[in-house]
């Protein structure tokens, strides 16, 4: 009974498919697909093969209760093409269809078979099978890359990135590439950096410099210039980290076969990398260049020697690497590759770098400082420093200056203001003495530091005050005053 039912269903579907091959808008259609510019009738039993339509028809949606499914963001032409594919699979897509709208609709409906057809169509019609770059295919590849990244077409996306990487000089120097979203531009840069190896790094660096010169000075090219600058930095870092492997590569060995003008461009970028090598690569490259030079000298008569221009290039490169070792000889002696260099060469490099290898040798136990002796020496030094500071802080006869100044002022008062001394002026003027009968005297300690001058000034002021005090005590004026008073007093008889 079940077999009869299944056969009947298959027969009904086959009849519908036969009808649909001629016209899908027949009277037996039981569902309507409403689009932005029209509507289309179809059969539920056929469109249910699509996961999207099956979820609406069999689910608990509002559309499940009605016979109308709304697809108002898509055109009738695209929806009809997809529905016709459900009735009878398509083998090709006409060029008048909007590929972007089709891939969006197919991704929403989940039609894997139609998605593969659209992918192959984009490769053939839009990307021109990824042949040499032309104006149309550059724009087509950029648009295809955006669609493939958005709708997870991994195979198409990889093909687009490979093509852009292969022809990055022309593809990057285009307005469609500059209009790509920044994440996609970074993906192109990352894909190009991942493709670097010792065989193609020289050509890649030369093409990067060529692209820098080709980019126009316009606003749309500014983000591309930033990418090219990052790419140039990545190329230089890769060359510095793999310089020895580059010297052993087949590409480097074939440089003597290229033209002289091309060799000049290659020498510029290689010498730039050689002048900033890490010490490990500098040691290995030093041996590699020495070996290459020795091989050229051992060439037999039956072998054609390389051009003299190439030999001069190797010699200059060897000298650049040697200078790098001389600059970093201290660090070079600590790396593992330094031991591979012959001892005579090591000695020569250290002598040219004014490097004493004894500085790096570990000292014997007798030469090592004793911690106890260091502690005693530090303690003695601290004690000596403290006593020196204490002696500086103590000023001899510190209280004498004030008392002497007061006595000198008293003397000036007794003598009626003769030779007055201004304490403020004395305190403010360092190195100058004011005393009775003496004018302004310039201190002879003019070139002495400020601290010593102030101490000497205080000592001199104290001496002057003591002399004034002594004169005050032995002043004959007081004696004459006493005598005159005694003479005027009448004697008592």
Protein backbone atom coordinates (compact mmCIF):
# COMPACT_ATOMS: atom_id res chain seq x y z
CA UNK A 1 0.00 0.00 0.00
CA UNK A 2 2.87 2.34 0.86
CA UNK A 3 4.55 1.52 -2.40
CA UNK A 4 1.43 2.49 -4.27
CA UNK A 5 1.23 5.76 -2.35
CA UNK A 6 4.86 6.64 -3.02
CA UNK A 7 4.53 5.79 -6.69
CA UNK A 8 1.43 7.93 -6.92
CA UNK A 9 3.24 10.86 -5.28
CA UNK A 10 6.20 10.48 -7.57
CA UNK A 11 3.88 10.37 -10.55
CA UNK A 12 2.13 13.52 -9.42
CA UNK A 13 5.42 15.34 -8.93
CA UNK A 14 6.68 14.19 -12.31
CA UNK A 15 3.53 15.50 -13.93
CA UNK A 16 3.94 18.84 -12.18
CA UNK A 17 7.55 19.01 -13.30
CA UNK A 18 6.52 18.28 -16.85
CA UNK A 19 3.97 21.07 -16.66
CA UNK A 20 6.45 23.40 -14.99
CA UNK A 21 8.90 22.89 -17.80
CA UNK A 22 6.47 24.71 -20.02
CA UNK A 23 4.72 27.12 -17.64
CA UNK A 24 4.92 27.27 -13.87
CA UNK A 25 2.02 29.71 -13.61
CA UNK A 26 -0.71 27.14 -14.21
CA UNK A 27 -4.12 26.79 -12.60
CA UNK A 28 -2.98 23.98 -10.29
CA UNK A 29 -0.41 26.19 -8.47
CA UNK A 30 -1.28 26.52 -4.79
CA UNK A 31 1.18 29.17 -3.58
CA UNK A 32 2.06 32.70 -4.67
CA UNK A 33 5.54 34.22 -4.45
CA UNK A 34 5.25 38.00 -4.23
CA UNK A 35 8.31 39.99 -5.43
CA UNK A 36 9.19 43.67 -5.70
CA UNK A 37 7.88 44.00 -9.26
CA UNK A 38 5.35 41.20 -9.62
CA UNK A 39 4.21 37.81 -8.37
CA UNK A 40 4.72 34.21 -9.36
CA UNK A 41 2.60 31.08 -8.82
CA UNK A 42 4.20 27.78 -7.83
CA UNK A 43 3.45 24.41 -6.26
CA UNK A 44 4.08 23.78 -2.58
CA UNK A 45 5.18 20.23 -3.28
CA UNK A 46 7.96 21.56 -5.50
CA UNK A 47 9.17 24.61 -3.58
CA UNK A 48 9.16 22.58 -0.36
CA UNK A 49 12.49 21.10 -1.56
CA UNK A 50 14.01 24.45 -0.61
CA UNK A 51 14.81 24.65 3.15
CA UNK A 52 13.55 28.23 3.37
CA UNK A 53 10.18 27.53 1.76
CA UNK A 54 9.80 24.25 3.68
CA UNK A 55 10.25 26.09 7.00
CA UNK A 56 7.57 28.62 6.05
CA UNK A 57 5.05 26.14 4.66
CA UNK A 58 5.40 23.55 7.44
CA UNK A 59 6.20 25.92 10.31
CA UNK A 60 4.14 28.08 12.64
CA UNK A 61 4.46 31.28 10.67
CA UNK A 62 1.84 33.76 9.56
CA UNK A 63 2.70 32.91 5.97
CA UNK A 64 1.98 29.25 6.76
CA UNK A 65 -1.71 30.08 7.17
CA UNK A 66 -1.85 31.88 3.84
CA UNK A 67 -0.87 30.96 0.34
CA UNK A 68 1.40 33.99 -0.19
CA UNK A 69 5.15 34.18 0.52
CA UNK A 70 6.65 37.67 0.32
CA UNK A 71 10.06 38.19 -1.30
CA UNK A 72 9.73 41.91 -1.88
CA UNK A 73 13.47 42.69 -1.78
CA UNK A 74 14.15 40.63 -4.91
CA UNK A 75 13.11 41.13 -8.50
CA UNK A 76 10.68 38.87 -10.31
CA UNK A 77 13.37 37.89 -12.81
CA UNK A 78 15.70 36.49 -10.16
CA UNK A 79 12.93 34.72 -8.20
CA UNK A 80 11.57 33.13 -11.37
CA UNK A 81 15.04 31.87 -12.30
CA UNK A 82 15.44 30.24 -8.89
CA UNK A 83 11.97 28.65 -8.97
CA UNK A 84 12.58 27.34 -12.48
CA UNK A 85 15.77 25.77 -11.17
CA UNK A 86 13.67 23.95 -8.54
CA UNK A 87 11.43 22.55 -11.25
CA UNK A 88 14.25 21.75 -13.64
CA UNK A 89 17.93 22.31 -12.73
CA UNK A 90 19.70 24.96 -14.79
CA UNK A 91 22.97 24.34 -16.56
CA UNK A 92 23.96 27.94 -17.18
CA UNK A 93 23.06 31.49 -16.29
CA UNK A 94 22.41 34.15 -18.88
CA UNK A 95 24.58 37.23 -18.86
CA UNK A 96 21.55 39.49 -18.38
CA UNK A 97 20.96 38.19 -14.85
CA UNK A 98 22.17 40.12 -11.82
CA UNK A 99 24.76 37.79 -10.27
CA UNK A 100 24.88 39.74 -7.03
CA UNK A 101 21.12 39.51 -6.51
CA UNK A 102 21.08 35.84 -7.47
CA UNK A 103 23.80 34.86 -5.01
CA UNK A 104 22.02 36.79 -2.25
CA UNK A 105 18.72 35.03 -2.96
CA UNK A 106 20.34 31.61 -3.25
CA UNK A 107 22.22 32.09 0.02
CA UNK A 108 18.98 32.99 1.79
CA UNK A 109 17.11 30.02 0.33
CA UNK A 110 20.00 27.60 1.00
CA UNK A 111 20.15 26.10 -2.51
CA UNK A 112 23.62 24.56 -2.61
CA UNK A 113 23.40 23.27 -6.18
CA UNK A 114 22.46 26.66 -7.57
CA UNK A 115 25.19 28.29 -5.50
CA UNK A 116 27.83 26.16 -7.21
CA UNK A 117 26.40 27.13 -10.60
CA UNK A 118 26.58 30.81 -9.73
CA UNK A 119 30.19 30.41 -8.50
CA UNK A 120 31.32 28.83 -11.74
CA UNK A 121 29.47 31.51 -13.71
CA UNK A 122 31.25 34.28 -11.82
CA UNK A 123 34.63 32.71 -12.54
CA UNK A 124 33.92 32.41 -16.27
CA UNK A 125 31.90 35.51 -17.13
CA UNK A 126 32.93 38.03 -14.47
CA UNK A 127 36.56 37.11 -13.75
CA UNK A 128 37.37 36.00 -17.32
CA UNK A 129 38.82 32.74 -16.01
CA UNK A 130 41.54 34.74 -14.24
CA UNK A 131 43.63 35.49 -17.31
CA UNK A 132 46.04 38.40 -17.60
CA UNK A 133 44.70 41.61 -16.10
CA UNK A 134 42.48 43.83 -18.18
CA UNK A 135 40.24 46.73 -17.26
CA UNK A 136 37.06 44.66 -17.07
CA UNK A 137 38.43 41.64 -15.26
CA UNK A 138 40.16 43.74 -12.58
CA UNK A 139 36.83 45.27 -11.64
CA UNK A 140 35.13 41.87 -11.93
CA UNK A 141 37.63 40.14 -9.67
CA UNK A 142 37.25 42.83 -7.01
CA UNK A 143 33.44 42.55 -7.03
CA UNK A 144 33.65 38.76 -7.02
CA UNK A 145 36.01 38.87 -4.05
CA UNK A 146 33.49 40.91 -2.07
CA UNK A 147 30.63 38.53 -2.91
CA UNK A 148 32.71 35.44 -2.19
CA UNK A 149 33.81 36.85 1.17
CA UNK A 150 30.27 37.85 2.11
CA UNK A 151 28.57 34.57 1.17
CA UNK A 152 31.41 32.22 2.19
CA UNK A 153 32.40 30.99 -1.26
CA UNK A 154 35.78 29.76 -0.09
CA UNK A 155 36.99 28.34 -3.39
CA UNK A 156 36.15 31.46 -5.39
CA UNK A 157 37.63 33.69 -2.72
CA UNK A 158 40.93 31.79 -2.78
CA UNK A 159 41.11 32.04 -6.57
CA UNK A 160 40.53 35.78 -6.42
CA UNK A 161 43.23 36.27 -3.81
CA UNK A 162 45.70 34.17 -5.78
CA UNK A 163 45.05 36.23 -8.91
CA UNK A 164 45.40 39.54 -7.05
CA UNK A 165 48.65 38.32 -5.47
CA UNK A 166 50.06 37.21 -8.80
CA UNK A 167 49.24 40.50 -10.53
CA UNK A 168 49.39 42.83 -7.55
CA UNK A 169 51.34 45.53 -9.41
CA UNK A 170 48.41 46.13 -11.78
CA UNK A 171 45.54 45.10 -9.55
CA UNK A 172 46.59 47.23 -6.59
CA UNK A 173 47.18 50.21 -8.85
CA UNK A 174 43.47 50.46 -9.69
CA UNK A 175 40.50 52.34 -8.35
CA UNK A 176 38.37 49.18 -7.77
CA UNK A 177 41.03 47.83 -5.41
CA UNK A 178 41.17 51.09 -3.46
CA UNK A 179 37.37 50.91 -3.07
CA UNK A 180 37.54 47.52 -1.37
CA UNK A 181 36.71 47.46 2.35
CA UNK A 182 39.77 47.75 4.56
CA UNK A 183 39.49 44.15 5.90
CA UNK A 184 39.64 42.81 2.35
CA UNK A 185 42.65 45.00 1.56
CA UNK A 186 44.38 43.66 4.65
CA UNK A 187 43.51 40.12 3.52
CA UNK A 188 45.21 40.81 0.19
CA UNK A 189 48.28 42.11 2.01
CA UNK A 190 48.34 39.10 4.34
CA UNK A 191 47.95 36.70 1.41
CA UNK A 192 50.87 38.37 -0.34
CA UNK A 193 53.05 38.22 2.78
CA UNK A 194 52.27 34.53 3.24
CA UNK A 195 53.41 33.84 -0.32
CA UNK A 196 56.96 35.08 0.36
CA UNK A 197 59.81 32.60 0.03
CA UNK A 198 63.54 32.72 -0.64
CA UNK A 199 63.02 32.22 -4.37
CA UNK A 200 60.54 35.03 -5.02
CA UNK A 201 61.46 37.59 -2.38
CA UNK A 202 63.86 39.48 -4.66
CA UNK A 203 61.31 39.81 -7.46
CA UNK A 204 58.61 40.68 -4.95
CA UNK A 205 60.71 43.48 -3.47
CA UNK A 206 61.52 44.86 -6.91
CA UNK A 207 57.84 44.83 -7.89
CA UNK A 208 56.95 46.58 -4.65
CA UNK A 209 59.35 49.42 -5.45
CA UNK A 210 57.92 49.56 -8.96
CA UNK A 211 54.39 49.85 -7.57
CA UNK A 212 55.46 52.67 -5.24
CA UNK A 213 56.64 54.66 -8.24
CA UNK A 214 53.54 53.89 -10.31
CA UNK A 215 50.89 54.95 -7.79
CA UNK A 216 49.44 58.37 -8.63
CA UNK A 217 49.35 61.21 -6.15
CA UNK A 218 45.56 61.28 -5.79
CA UNK A 219 43.26 60.80 -2.85
CA UNK A 220 41.93 57.35 -3.77
CA UNK A 221 45.49 55.99 -3.89
CA UNK A 222 46.37 57.01 -0.31
CA UNK A 223 45.17 53.75 1.36
CA UNK A 224 46.99 51.76 -1.32
CA UNK A 225 50.20 53.66 -0.59
CA UNK A 226 49.94 52.68 3.06
CA UNK A 227 49.54 49.04 2.07
CA UNK A 228 52.53 49.22 -0.27
CA UNK A 229 54.62 50.76 2.50
CA UNK A 230 53.67 47.91 4.83
CA UNK A 231 54.48 45.40 2.10
CA UNK A 232 57.90 46.96 1.54
CA UNK A 233 58.66 46.72 5.26
CA UNK A 234 57.57 43.08 5.33
CA UNK A 235 59.80 42.27 2.36
CA UNK A 236 62.83 43.84 4.03
CA UNK A 237 62.18 42.01 7.31
CA UNK A 238 61.84 38.70 5.47
CA UNK A 239 65.12 39.28 3.63
CA UNK A 240 66.95 40.08 6.85
CA UNK A 241 65.59 37.00 8.62
CA UNK A 242 66.35 34.61 5.72
CA UNK A 243 69.39 36.29 4.15
CA UNK A 244 71.63 33.24 4.25
CA UNK A 245 68.97 31.06 2.62
CA UNK A 246 68.52 33.69 -0.09
CA UNK A 247 72.25 33.54 -0.85
CA UNK A 248 71.94 29.77 -1.39
CA UNK A 249 68.78 30.04 -3.51
CA UNK A 250 68.68 29.37 -7.23
CA UNK A 251 67.38 32.87 -7.86
CA UNK A 252 70.45 34.49 -6.30
CA UNK A 253 72.82 32.19 -8.16
CA UNK A 254 71.19 33.18 -11.46
CA UNK A 255 71.66 36.90 -10.90
CA UNK A 256 74.84 36.95 -12.97
CA UNK A 257 72.71 36.13 -16.02
CA UNK A 258 70.53 39.23 -15.81
CA UNK A 259 71.30 42.62 -17.32
CA UNK A 260 73.63 45.05 -15.64
CA UNK A 261 70.94 47.68 -15.02
CA UNK A 262 68.73 45.09 -13.35
CA UNK A 263 71.65 43.96 -11.19
CA UNK A 264 72.00 47.51 -9.92
CA UNK A 265 68.40 47.50 -8.67
CA UNK A 266 68.91 44.11 -7.04
CA UNK A 267 72.12 45.26 -5.37
CA UNK A 268 70.35 48.25 -3.83
CA UNK A 269 67.73 46.18 -2.02
CA UNK A 270 70.10 43.35 -1.05
CA UNK A 271 72.71 45.76 0.31
CA UNK A 272 70.04 47.55 2.31
CA UNK A 273 69.04 44.27 3.93
CA UNK A 274 72.68 43.24 4.48
CA UNK A 275 73.50 46.45 6.34
CA UNK A 276 70.89 45.65 9.03
CA UNK A 277 71.26 41.90 9.44
CA UNK A 278 70.77 40.13 12.76
CA UNK A 279 74.09 38.85 14.11
CA UNK A 280 73.11 35.21 13.55
CA UNK A 281 72.34 35.83 9.87
CA UNK A 282 75.43 38.03 9.53
CA UNK A 283 77.71 35.20 10.65
CA UNK A 284 76.07 32.65 8.35
CA UNK A 285 75.98 35.07 5.41
CA UNK A 286 79.66 35.91 5.94
CA UNK A 287 80.56 32.25 5.44
CA UNK A 288 78.14 31.85 2.51
CA UNK A 289 79.57 34.81 0.59
CA UNK A 290 83.10 33.63 1.30
CA UNK A 291 82.18 30.24 -0.13
CA UNK A 292 80.59 31.78 -3.23
CA UNK A 293 83.72 33.82 -3.88
CA UNK A 294 85.92 30.74 -3.48
CA UNK A 295 83.77 28.78 -5.94
CA UNK A 296 84.19 31.47 -8.58
CA UNK A 297 87.95 31.38 -8.15
CA UNK A 298 88.00 27.59 -8.64
CA UNK A 299 86.16 27.63 -11.97
CA UNK A 300 87.97 25.67 -14.65
CA UNK A 301 88.89 26.87 -18.09
CA UNK A 302 86.01 24.97 -19.67
CA UNK A 303 83.51 26.85 -17.49
CA UNK A 304 82.48 30.38 -18.34
CA UNK A 305 83.30 32.75 -15.47
CA UNK A 306 80.65 35.23 -14.41
CA UNK A 307 80.73 38.83 -15.47
CA UNK A 308 83.13 41.13 -13.65
CA UNK A 309 80.17 43.31 -12.66
CA UNK A 310 78.65 40.38 -10.79
CA UNK A 311 81.98 39.58 -9.09
CA UNK A 312 82.28 43.18 -7.94
CA UNK A 313 78.74 42.98 -6.62
CA UNK A 314 79.61 39.88 -4.57
CA UNK A 315 82.72 41.59 -3.18
CA UNK A 316 80.79 44.69 -2.17
CA UNK A 317 78.10 42.55 -0.57
CA UNK A 318 80.75 40.60 1.33
CA UNK A 319 82.25 43.86 2.59
CA UNK A 320 78.81 45.07 3.72
CA UNK A 321 78.21 41.89 5.71
CA UNK A 322 81.70 42.11 7.20
CA UNK A 323 81.09 45.70 8.29
CA UNK A 324 77.86 44.58 9.92
CA UNK A 325 79.79 41.98 11.89
CA UNK A 326 82.36 44.57 12.91
CA UNK A 327 79.59 46.88 14.14
CA UNK A 328 77.97 44.11 16.19
CA UNK A 329 81.07 42.14 17.11
CA UNK A 330 80.19 42.17 20.80
CA UNK A 331 76.82 40.53 20.17
CA UNK A 332 78.18 38.33 17.38
CA UNK A 333 80.65 36.61 19.69
CA UNK A 334 77.77 35.47 21.89
CA UNK A 335 75.68 33.79 19.16
CA UNK A 336 76.02 30.14 18.18
CA UNK A 337 76.91 30.90 14.54
CA UNK A 338 80.07 32.72 15.61
CA UNK A 339 81.79 29.43 16.38
CA UNK A 340 81.41 28.35 12.74
CA UNK A 341 83.66 31.18 11.55
CA UNK A 342 87.37 30.21 11.47
CA UNK A 343 89.50 31.47 14.34
CA UNK A 344 91.68 33.62 12.09
CA UNK A 345 88.62 35.37 10.70
CA UNK A 346 87.24 35.84 14.20
CA UNK A 347 90.46 37.48 15.33
CA UNK A 348 90.50 39.77 12.30
CA UNK A 349 86.90 40.87 12.85
CA UNK A 350 87.49 41.52 16.56
CA UNK A 351 90.61 43.56 15.84
CA UNK A 352 88.80 45.69 13.26
CA UNK A 353 85.96 46.16 15.73
CA UNK A 354 88.39 47.10 18.57
CA UNK A 355 86.93 44.28 20.62
CA UNK A 356 88.91 42.67 23.42
CA UNK A 357 87.80 39.05 23.80
CA UNK A 358 89.22 38.93 27.34
CA UNK A 359 86.39 41.17 28.54
CA UNK A 360 83.90 38.40 27.97
CA UNK A 361 85.95 35.62 29.59
CA UNK A 362 84.81 34.60 33.09
CA UNK A 363 87.15 35.69 35.86
CA UNK A 364 88.93 33.24 38.12
CA UNK A 365 87.86 32.72 41.71
CA UNK A 366 90.83 34.71 43.00
CA UNK A 367 89.83 37.74 40.92
CA UNK A 368 86.25 37.76 42.10
CA UNK A 369 85.48 40.38 44.76
CA UNK A 370 84.92 39.20 48.33
CA UNK A 371 81.48 40.31 49.58
CA UNK A 372 82.84 40.87 53.11
CA UNK A 373 85.59 43.15 51.85
CA UNK A 374 83.04 45.08 49.83
CA UNK A 375 80.85 45.56 52.91
CA UNK A 376 83.83 46.78 54.99
CA UNK A 377 84.92 49.16 52.25
CA UNK A 378 81.39 50.57 51.87
CA UNK A 379 81.07 51.00 55.65
CA UNK A 380 84.37 52.91 55.83
CA UNK A 381 83.38 55.07 52.89
CA UNK A 382 80.02 55.94 54.45
CA UNK A 383 81.68 56.82 57.77
CA UNK A 384 84.20 59.09 56.06
CA UNK A 385 81.46 60.81 54.10
CA UNK A 386 79.37 61.38 57.24
CA UNK A 387 82.32 62.91 59.16
CA UNK A 388 83.11 65.19 56.22
CA UNK A 389 79.51 66.42 56.09
CA UNK A 390 79.50 66.96 59.86
CA UNK A 391 82.69 69.04 59.73
CA UNK A 392 81.25 71.16 56.95
CA UNK A 393 78.04 71.78 58.91
CA UNK A 394 79.97 73.04 61.99
CA UNK A 395 81.15 76.66 61.59
CA UNK A 396 83.88 77.83 64.02
CA UNK A 397 83.03 80.81 66.24
CA UNK A 398 79.45 80.81 64.97
CA UNK A 399 78.21 82.90 67.92
CA UNK A 400 81.05 85.43 67.76
CA UNK A 401 79.79 87.35 64.78
CA UNK A 402 76.50 88.41 66.39
CA UNK A 403 78.08 89.51 69.66
CA UNK A 404 80.89 91.36 67.93
CA UNK A 405 78.40 93.09 65.68
CA UNK A 406 76.39 94.24 68.71
CA UNK A 407 79.51 95.60 70.43
CA UNK A 408 80.57 97.42 67.28
CA UNK A 409 77.12 99.00 67.07
CA UNK A 410 77.41 100.10 70.71
CA UNK A 411 80.75 101.75 69.95
CA UNK A 412 79.21 103.64 67.06
CA UNK A 413 76.47 104.90 69.37
CA UNK A 414 78.94 106.09 72.00
CA UNK A 415 81.00 108.03 69.47
CA UNK A 416 78.00 109.85 68.09
CA UNK A 417 77.34 107.77 65.05
CA UNK A 418 80.88 107.89 63.68
CA UNK A 419 81.50 105.16 61.15
CA UNK A 420 78.14 103.50 61.60
CA UNK A 421 77.80 99.89 60.63
CA UNK A 422 74.64 98.70 58.95
CA UNK A 423 74.07 95.09 59.98
CA UNK A 424 71.74 94.55 57.10
CA UNK A 425 74.35 95.68 54.60
CA UNK A 426 77.01 93.55 56.21
CA UNK A 427 74.82 90.51 56.15
CA UNK A 428 73.73 91.11 52.59
CA UNK A 429 77.18 91.91 51.16
CA UNK A 430 79.34 88.80 51.21
CA UNK A 431 83.09 89.27 51.36
CA UNK A 432 83.01 93.06 52.23
CA UNK A 433 84.01 94.44 55.63
CA UNK A 434 82.69 97.67 57.17
CA UNK A 435 84.57 98.96 60.20
CA UNK A 436 85.54 102.29 61.69
CA UNK A 437 88.11 104.13 59.69
CA UNK A 438 88.04 101.55 56.88
CA UNK A 439 86.18 101.92 53.63
CA UNK A 440 84.70 99.22 51.43
CA UNK A 441 87.36 96.58 50.96
CA UNK A 442 86.99 93.99 48.23
CA UNK A 443 87.65 90.47 49.37
CA UNK A 444 90.66 88.83 47.72
CA UNK A 445 88.72 85.54 47.52
CA UNK A 446 86.87 86.53 44.37
CA UNK A 447 87.50 83.26 42.54
CA UNK A 448 86.78 81.09 45.58
CA UNK A 449 83.45 79.18 45.67
CA UNK A 450 80.47 80.79 47.39
CA UNK A 451 80.57 78.55 50.50
CA UNK A 452 84.26 79.25 51.19
CA UNK A 453 83.84 82.99 50.57
CA UNK A 454 80.96 83.20 53.07
CA UNK A 455 82.99 81.35 55.73
CA UNK A 456 86.01 83.61 55.19
CA UNK A 457 83.78 86.69 55.31
CA UNK A 458 82.32 85.64 58.65
CA UNK A 459 85.82 85.03 60.05
CA UNK A 460 87.05 88.43 58.85
CA UNK A 461 84.00 90.21 60.31
CA UNK A 462 84.56 88.47 63.63
CA UNK A 463 88.21 89.62 63.71
CA UNK A 464 87.24 93.19 62.90
CA UNK A 465 84.61 93.15 65.64
CA UNK A 466 87.13 91.93 68.20
CA UNK A 467 89.54 94.74 67.29
CA UNK A 468 86.78 97.33 67.57
CA UNK A 469 85.80 96.00 70.96
CA UNK A 470 89.34 96.22 72.22
CA UNK A 471 89.58 99.82 71.09
CA UNK A 472 86.26 100.53 72.82
CA UNK A 473 87.59 99.21 76.12
CA UNK A 474 90.87 101.15 75.86
CA UNK A 475 89.42 104.39 74.51
CA UNK A 476 91.22 107.44 76.01
CA UNK A 477 88.07 109.50 75.65
CA UNK A 478 86.55 107.79 78.65
CA UNK A 479 89.62 108.60 80.72
CA UNK A 480 89.59 112.28 79.76
CA UNK A 481 85.90 112.46 80.63
CA UNK A 482 86.63 111.11 84.08
CA UNK A 483 89.52 113.58 84.56
CA UNK A 484 87.43 116.57 83.48
CA UNK A 485 84.68 115.59 85.86
CA UNK A 486 87.11 115.25 88.71
CA UNK A 487 88.64 118.67 88.00
CA UNK A 488 85.28 120.42 88.08
CA UNK A 489 84.30 118.93 91.43
CA UNK A 490 85.27 121.34 94.21
CA UNK A 491 87.56 120.04 96.84
CA UNK A 492 86.23 119.85 100.37
CA UNK A 493 88.34 121.46 102.85
